[in-house]
Amino acid sequence: MEKKYDIIVFGGSGFTGEYVVREMLATSDIESKTWAIAGRSKEKLSTTLQSLAKELSVTDKQVDIIEANVNDQDSLEKMCSKCHCLINCVGPYFLWGRQVVEACIKNKTHYLDISGEPLFMEEVARDYNGDACEAGVVVVSACGFDSIPVDIGVRYCQKKFNGTLTALESYMNAQVGEKGFSVHFPTFQCVVNGFANQSKLKKFRKSLNLPRLPYVGPRLPSMTTLKYHKHFKKYYVPFAGSDRSVALRSQRSLCEKTGDNHTPAQVGVYMTFQSTALLVYLSLFGVVFIMLVSTRFGRYLLLKYPEVCTFGLVTRRGATREQIAQSSFSFNFLGAGFSYSDVAGASDGKLPDRFIEAQVTGPDPGYISCSIFIVQAAYAVLNKEDIQGGVVTPSVALENTDYVDRLAARGIEFKVKYEGPDLQFPSIF
């Protein structure tokens, strides 16, 4: 059956979904893509469309509305049968994601989401990769702020490196304005579930019995505590999100596809602090959060009274327009490797002789950049001629596309600040 739409945005009236719809309204004519929005309530979707169209002065655009519900599999399959690519904004994905993935694969529709939930993503990869390959469609999670900057950033640095990049560290910095920032409750719900399922995730990964990645060169140090970075002049801690696991899945996929032609990069992911005051605030929050999330009753309190338990950081209404407008982000990358391609002997005590520093910058990470990331990913996937099906990471799905250029056109810039043999380059080992 011929499909009517190139893209359907599922969950278009949700908090994040509205920003995805905004990005579609701003760019779909340029891309010459047909699209629609879907969700439980036609009334809410219509209100969202009218409000955004008026705000963007595009009231002449006609966008179809489709009713679909995660609790009604028939409605999901009807929705997916109408489009080539589905952008799924309905989370948390550990609750509502699998049935949408199934509907997409059954109807040979590409699936993209903004999940940052490792267990969900990795279980979907195990359970649906074969079906997705057979259907010839890609299933791609982590197409938002989790984990586009790091996953695409690692591949960007590997391609820009004049030699073999063997280790890379990323340092995330979120800049907030005078209005502060807030975390939307569904995002917080995913974080709590992620911490609750740490032991389950470890058991799951162990059951896969995957071989170790064939790293070469010195190993990145393991770090669990707060440290001060002399190069960036900021305090930093390991980032507990999905970025590292997604980037390493990409490295594994490249090894599996190319064998000895790809040397995987070690990846370290850290979060820096904009100010000492923010460091103190988040440290206090972190202590309380870890205490509560470690027990079932504590998790109940976190989810029942999120604003109280997080000192107002988490809200059910989400960030305000002012907070979003004042926010921005940057990821700084420091990498090291060798100036030659035959690095088989680099594990024998040899030190890297070439280095790279790169950066990714953009507007508000949680909503504006997030919507740009996933919408531009959908366009790139649809335009890719030689796409191979499977449950894959963003950098695998978007390999050999113009994705980085697309992001630059929308205000998200990847750039190399230094690449060369400078022995005074800050060590990451």
Foldseek 3Di string as FASTA:
>chain_A
DDAAFAEEEEPCLDPQNLLLVLVCLVPCVVLVTAYAYEEADPVSNVVSVCVSCVVVVNNVDDHYYAYDDLVDLVSLLVVLLRHQEYEYEDDPCVVRPPSNVVSNLVNLHAYEYQHQAVVSLVVCQVPCFVSQLVSFYEHAYNLAVRAVCLQVVVVVCCVVAQAGWAAKEKEKEKDWDPVDFAAALRVVVSVLVNLLCVVVVVVVVVVVVDDDAPGFADDFDDFADWDADPVVRWIKGFDPIRHQVQNVQQQVVVCVVPPLQHHGYHYTYMYTYPDVVVVVLVVVLVVLLVVLSVDPVSSVCCNVPVCVSRVNRYDNVGTDPNRQQRMKMKMKMKTFAANHHPCPPRRVPHHTQKIWIKMKIFGRRPHNRRSQSRVLLSSQLSPDDPAGTGHGYSCVSNPPTCSQVSVVVVGIHIDTPDITRPPPRDDSD
